[in-house]
Every structure is written in C-alpha cells, then in structure tokens.
Amino acid sequence: MEGMERIGRVILDKVKADAEQIINEAEEQAWRELEKAEKQRETRFEDEKRKALEEAERQAGRIKAQALIRARQELSGAKAQIIEGIVNRAKSILPSFPSDEASFLCLTEEAVGELNADKVRIYVAKKDMSAMQELVKRNEGLAGAIMGIKELDCAGGIIAESADGKISIDNTYETRLEMLVPQILPEISRELFADS
C-alpha cells in the first residue's frame, strides 16, 4: 500500500507540476495578450490623437484663411471708401475751382477741333460766362467758329455742340474728372497704401 501511495503521490506531484506549468504558461500568455492589447490601445490612441490633431490643424487653417479673406475684404472696403471720399471731395471742390483763360482756350480749341464743324455752340457754367465771352472776343479763330455761348449747370469747363445739335463734345470738369479717375486710381492707391 505504501508503494501505491507513493505512486499516487508521484502521479499527483507530476499532475501538480504539469498543472502549474500550464497555469504559468497560461498566465504568461495572458500577460503577453494583455501587453499586446495595451500596445494596440496605445497605437489606436496615438492614431486617433494624430487624426484629431490633423483635423484641428486643417480646421484652424480654414478659419485662418477665412479670417484673412475677411480682413482683406475689410481692408479693400476701407481703401475703396478712402478713395471714394477723395474723388467725392474733388467733385465737391470743382465748382470753386477757378477757370482761367488758358484752360478755357485749351478745352474750347480741343472740343471745336474734335467737332470739325464750321459753326459750334458753346455751353459754360454761369460763373464762367463772362470769361468765355472775353476769350471769344480776343480770339479771332474762336470768334469765327462759335455761333453762341449758353449757360450750363456744371462745375466748370465747356460743352461744344455742332450747329445742328447732333454732335457734342463734353469737356466739363465733371466729365474730365470721371475720365481721369480710372487712370489715376492705381497711382492714388500706390501713394496711399504702399505699405498695406
């Protein structure tokens, strides 16, 4: 019986040793799986964090671009208002702009020459009527071509019209300014906004 007990004990010890080895291997396998799962979780977390960061950077880039566009639009609007103010101020001082004989002569000769008509009618601002009449009296070439001088509601300058009234040349200060503004706007912008 003692021999059987001993065999039983050896078998039991062998089974215990095998069981412990299986348990140890299972625990090691479980730890490896746990570590693997932890690494996968960390990798996933880092991937998600990276994706979220990239998306946040894209969103920040969009916001920045939109803000830059709005800022440029506001700056452009402010510049346009400043230029419009300058043009409006120029228009408002045109009526007080003194008309001298040299400018009248130049504007009148230019218009009469463009019309290429024997006789023309001249229109001038009320304030310039006497100056134009004096100019025509002193200039034989103009006196022969001008059949009449009439009053016009304008800031200054002249309008020359053919005798039949079908063709006219507008050399009023307002029209000249309107024609000049598009040409000088780039220069005005450069002068005013060179640093912006």
Protein backbone atom coordinates (compact mmCIF):
# COMPACT_ATOMS: atom_id res chain seq x y z
CA MET A 1 0.00 0.00 0.00
CA GLU A 2 2.82 2.14 0.69
CA GLY A 3 4.01 1.60 -2.84
CA MET A 4 0.63 2.61 -4.18
CA GLU A 5 0.61 5.70 -2.10
CA ARG A 6 3.97 6.58 -3.37
CA ILE A 7 2.96 6.04 -6.96
CA GLY A 8 -0.18 8.05 -6.25
CA ARG A 9 1.90 10.83 -4.76
CA VAL A 10 4.36 10.82 -7.71
CA ILE A 11 1.44 10.96 -10.13
CA LEU A 12 -0.17 13.68 -8.05
CA ASP A 13 3.12 15.64 -7.94
CA LYS A 14 3.51 15.16 -11.71
CA VAL A 15 -0.06 16.34 -12.30
CA LYS A 16 0.53 19.31 -9.95
CA ALA A 17 3.78 20.19 -11.75
CA ASP A 18 2.06 19.87 -15.14
CA ALA A 19 -0.86 21.95 -13.87
CA GLU A 20 1.49 24.62 -12.52
CA GLN A 21 3.38 24.67 -15.80
CA ILE A 22 0.11 25.02 -17.73
CA ILE A 23 -1.05 27.73 -15.33
CA ASN A 24 2.30 29.55 -15.64
CA GLU A 25 2.19 29.31 -19.42
CA ALA A 26 -1.42 30.49 -19.41
CA GLU A 27 -0.52 33.42 -17.16
CA GLU A 28 2.44 34.30 -19.39
CA GLN A 29 0.21 34.04 -22.46
CA ALA A 30 -2.39 36.20 -20.72
CA TRP A 31 0.27 38.83 -19.86
CA ARG A 32 1.52 38.77 -23.45
CA GLU A 33 -2.05 39.22 -24.72
CA LEU A 34 -2.59 41.98 -22.18
CA GLU A 35 0.61 43.75 -23.25
CA LYS A 36 -0.34 43.31 -26.90
CA ALA A 37 -3.80 44.72 -26.23
CA GLU A 38 -2.26 47.64 -24.31
CA LYS A 39 0.12 48.37 -27.20
CA GLN A 40 -2.77 48.20 -29.66
CA ARG A 41 -4.78 50.55 -27.44
CA GLU A 42 -1.84 52.97 -27.25
CA THR A 43 -1.31 52.77 -31.02
CA ARG A 44 -5.00 53.37 -31.63
CA PHE A 45 -4.97 56.21 -29.13
CA GLU A 46 -1.94 57.78 -30.84
CA ASP A 47 -3.57 57.33 -34.27
CA GLU A 48 -6.80 58.92 -33.06
CA LYS A 49 -4.85 61.70 -31.38
CA ARG A 50 -2.83 62.29 -34.58
CA LYS A 51 -6.01 62.30 -36.70
CA ALA A 52 -7.72 64.69 -34.29
CA LEU A 53 -4.66 66.94 -34.33
CA GLU A 54 -4.52 66.89 -38.14
CA GLU A 55 -8.23 67.71 -38.32
CA ALA A 56 -7.78 70.51 -35.78
CA GLU A 57 -4.88 71.89 -37.83
CA ARG A 58 -6.99 71.72 -41.03
CA GLN A 59 -9.86 73.45 -39.25
CA ALA A 60 -7.51 76.10 -37.86
CA GLY A 61 -6.12 76.60 -41.37
CA ARG A 62 -9.64 77.08 -42.77
CA ILE A 63 -10.51 79.53 -40.00
CA LYS A 64 -7.29 81.44 -40.57
CA ALA A 65 -7.87 81.57 -44.34
CA GLN A 66 -11.44 82.80 -43.84
CA ALA A 67 -10.27 85.42 -41.37
CA LEU A 68 -7.57 86.52 -43.80
CA ILE A 69 -10.13 86.82 -46.60
CA ARG A 70 -12.46 88.85 -44.35
CA ALA A 71 -9.57 91.07 -43.27
CA ARG A 72 -8.56 91.65 -46.89
CA GLN A 73 -12.18 92.41 -47.82
CA GLU A 74 -12.48 94.88 -44.94
CA LEU A 75 -9.15 96.48 -45.87
CA SER A 76 -10.19 96.67 -49.51
CA GLY A 77 -13.54 98.20 -48.48
CA ALA A 78 -11.79 100.75 -46.29
CA LYS A 79 -9.40 101.64 -49.12
CA ALA A 80 -12.34 101.99 -51.53
CA GLN A 81 -14.11 104.29 -49.06
CA ILE A 82 -11.00 106.45 -48.70
CA ILE A 83 -10.58 106.70 -52.48
CA GLU A 84 -14.30 107.38 -52.94
CA GLY A 85 -14.00 110.13 -50.33
CA ILE A 86 -11.08 111.67 -52.21
CA VAL A 87 -13.00 111.56 -55.51
CA ASN A 88 -16.14 113.00 -53.88
CA ARG A 89 -14.07 115.75 -52.30
CA ALA A 90 -12.53 116.55 -55.68
CA LYS A 91 -16.03 116.68 -57.19
CA SER A 92 -17.25 118.96 -54.41
CA ILE A 93 -14.44 121.48 -54.94
CA LEU A 94 -14.84 121.58 -58.73
CA PRO A 95 -17.41 124.42 -58.63
CA SER A 96 -14.97 126.57 -56.66
CA PHE A 97 -12.07 125.68 -58.96
CA PRO A 98 -11.01 128.90 -60.73
CA SER A 99 -11.38 128.82 -64.51
CA ASP A 100 -8.52 130.60 -66.18
CA GLU A 101 -8.24 131.74 -69.77
CA ALA A 102 -5.56 129.18 -70.65
CA SER A 103 -7.70 126.21 -69.56
CA PHE A 104 -10.78 127.64 -71.33
CA LEU A 105 -8.79 128.15 -74.50
CA CYS A 106 -7.38 124.61 -74.37
CA LEU A 107 -10.75 122.96 -73.62
CA THR A 108 -12.55 125.03 -76.29
CA GLU A 109 -9.97 124.54 -79.05
CA GLU A 110 -9.86 120.80 -78.33
CA ALA A 111 -13.68 120.46 -78.49
CA VAL A 112 -14.10 122.69 -81.57
CA GLY A 113 -11.33 120.76 -83.35
CA GLU A 114 -12.93 117.41 -82.49
CA LEU A 115 -16.33 118.53 -83.79
CA ASN A 116 -14.79 119.54 -87.12
CA ALA A 117 -17.79 121.79 -87.78
CA ASP A 118 -17.94 125.29 -89.30
CA LYS A 119 -20.09 126.64 -86.50
CA VAL A 120 -20.45 125.44 -82.91
CA ARG A 121 -22.37 126.40 -79.83
CA ILE A 122 -20.54 126.55 -76.50
CA TYR A 123 -22.07 125.84 -73.09
CA VAL A 124 -20.33 127.01 -69.92
CA ALA A 125 -21.09 127.34 -66.21
CA LYS A 126 -22.83 130.56 -65.20
CA LYS A 127 -19.76 131.66 -63.23
CA ASP A 128 -17.62 131.33 -66.39
CA MET A 129 -19.93 133.05 -68.87
CA SER A 130 -18.16 136.43 -68.90
CA ALA A 131 -14.69 134.84 -69.03
CA MET A 132 -15.71 132.77 -72.06
CA GLN A 133 -17.24 135.79 -73.80
CA GLU A 134 -14.00 137.73 -73.28
CA LEU A 135 -11.95 134.79 -74.61
CA VAL A 136 -14.04 134.60 -77.79
CA LYS A 137 -13.79 138.38 -78.31
CA ARG A 138 -9.97 138.28 -78.10
CA ASN A 139 -9.51 135.15 -80.25
CA GLU A 140 -10.47 135.64 -83.94
CA GLY A 141 -10.32 131.89 -84.71
CA LEU A 142 -12.78 131.05 -81.97
CA ALA A 143 -14.98 134.08 -82.73
CA GLY A 144 -15.47 132.85 -86.30
CA ALA A 145 -16.33 129.28 -85.19
CA ILE A 146 -18.55 129.98 -82.18
CA MET A 147 -22.11 130.94 -83.03
CA GLY A 148 -23.26 131.34 -79.43
CA ILE A 149 -22.43 130.86 -75.77
CA LYS A 150 -25.09 129.47 -73.46
CA GLU A 151 -25.30 128.78 -69.77
CA LEU A 152 -24.90 125.22 -68.45
CA ASP A 153 -25.41 123.74 -65.00
CA CYS A 154 -21.92 122.36 -64.40
CA ALA A 155 -18.92 122.95 -62.16
CA GLY A 156 -16.78 124.34 -64.96
CA GLY A 157 -15.31 123.57 -68.32
CA ILE A 158 -17.30 123.55 -71.55
CA ILE A 159 -19.55 121.53 -73.82
CA ALA A 160 -19.20 122.24 -77.55
CA GLU A 161 -22.09 121.31 -79.80
CA SER A 162 -22.44 121.28 -83.58
CA ALA A 163 -24.81 123.89 -85.06
CA ASP A 164 -27.45 121.23 -85.76
CA GLY A 165 -27.15 119.89 -82.19
CA LYS A 166 -26.45 116.31 -83.34
CA ILE A 167 -22.86 116.07 -82.07
CA SER A 168 -21.38 117.39 -78.85
CA ILE A 169 -18.07 117.16 -77.03
CA ASP A 170 -18.25 117.23 -73.25
CA ASN A 171 -15.19 118.91 -71.76
CA THR A 172 -16.79 119.78 -68.42
CA TYR A 173 -14.71 119.39 -65.31
CA GLU A 174 -17.06 116.68 -64.05
CA THR A 175 -16.66 114.60 -67.21
CA ARG A 176 -12.92 115.14 -67.36
CA LEU A 177 -12.65 114.03 -63.72
CA GLU A 178 -14.78 110.91 -64.41
CA MET A 179 -12.46 110.04 -67.30
CA LEU A 180 -9.35 110.75 -65.25
CA VAL A 181 -10.29 108.81 -62.10
CA PRO A 182 -9.85 105.27 -63.53
CA GLN A 183 -6.44 106.26 -64.87
CA ILE A 184 -5.17 107.75 -61.62
CA LEU A 185 -6.72 105.26 -59.17
CA PRO A 186 -3.75 102.86 -59.33
CA GLU A 187 -1.36 105.74 -58.63
CA ILE A 188 -3.52 107.03 -55.78
CA SER A 189 -3.64 103.52 -54.32
CA ARG A 190 0.13 103.15 -54.55
CA GLU A 191 0.69 106.50 -52.88
CA LEU A 192 -1.84 105.99 -50.10
CA PHE A 193 -1.47 102.29 -49.45
CA ALA A 194 2.11 101.45 -50.36
CA ASP A 195 2.73 99.71 -47.03
CA SER A 196 -0.51 97.71 -46.84
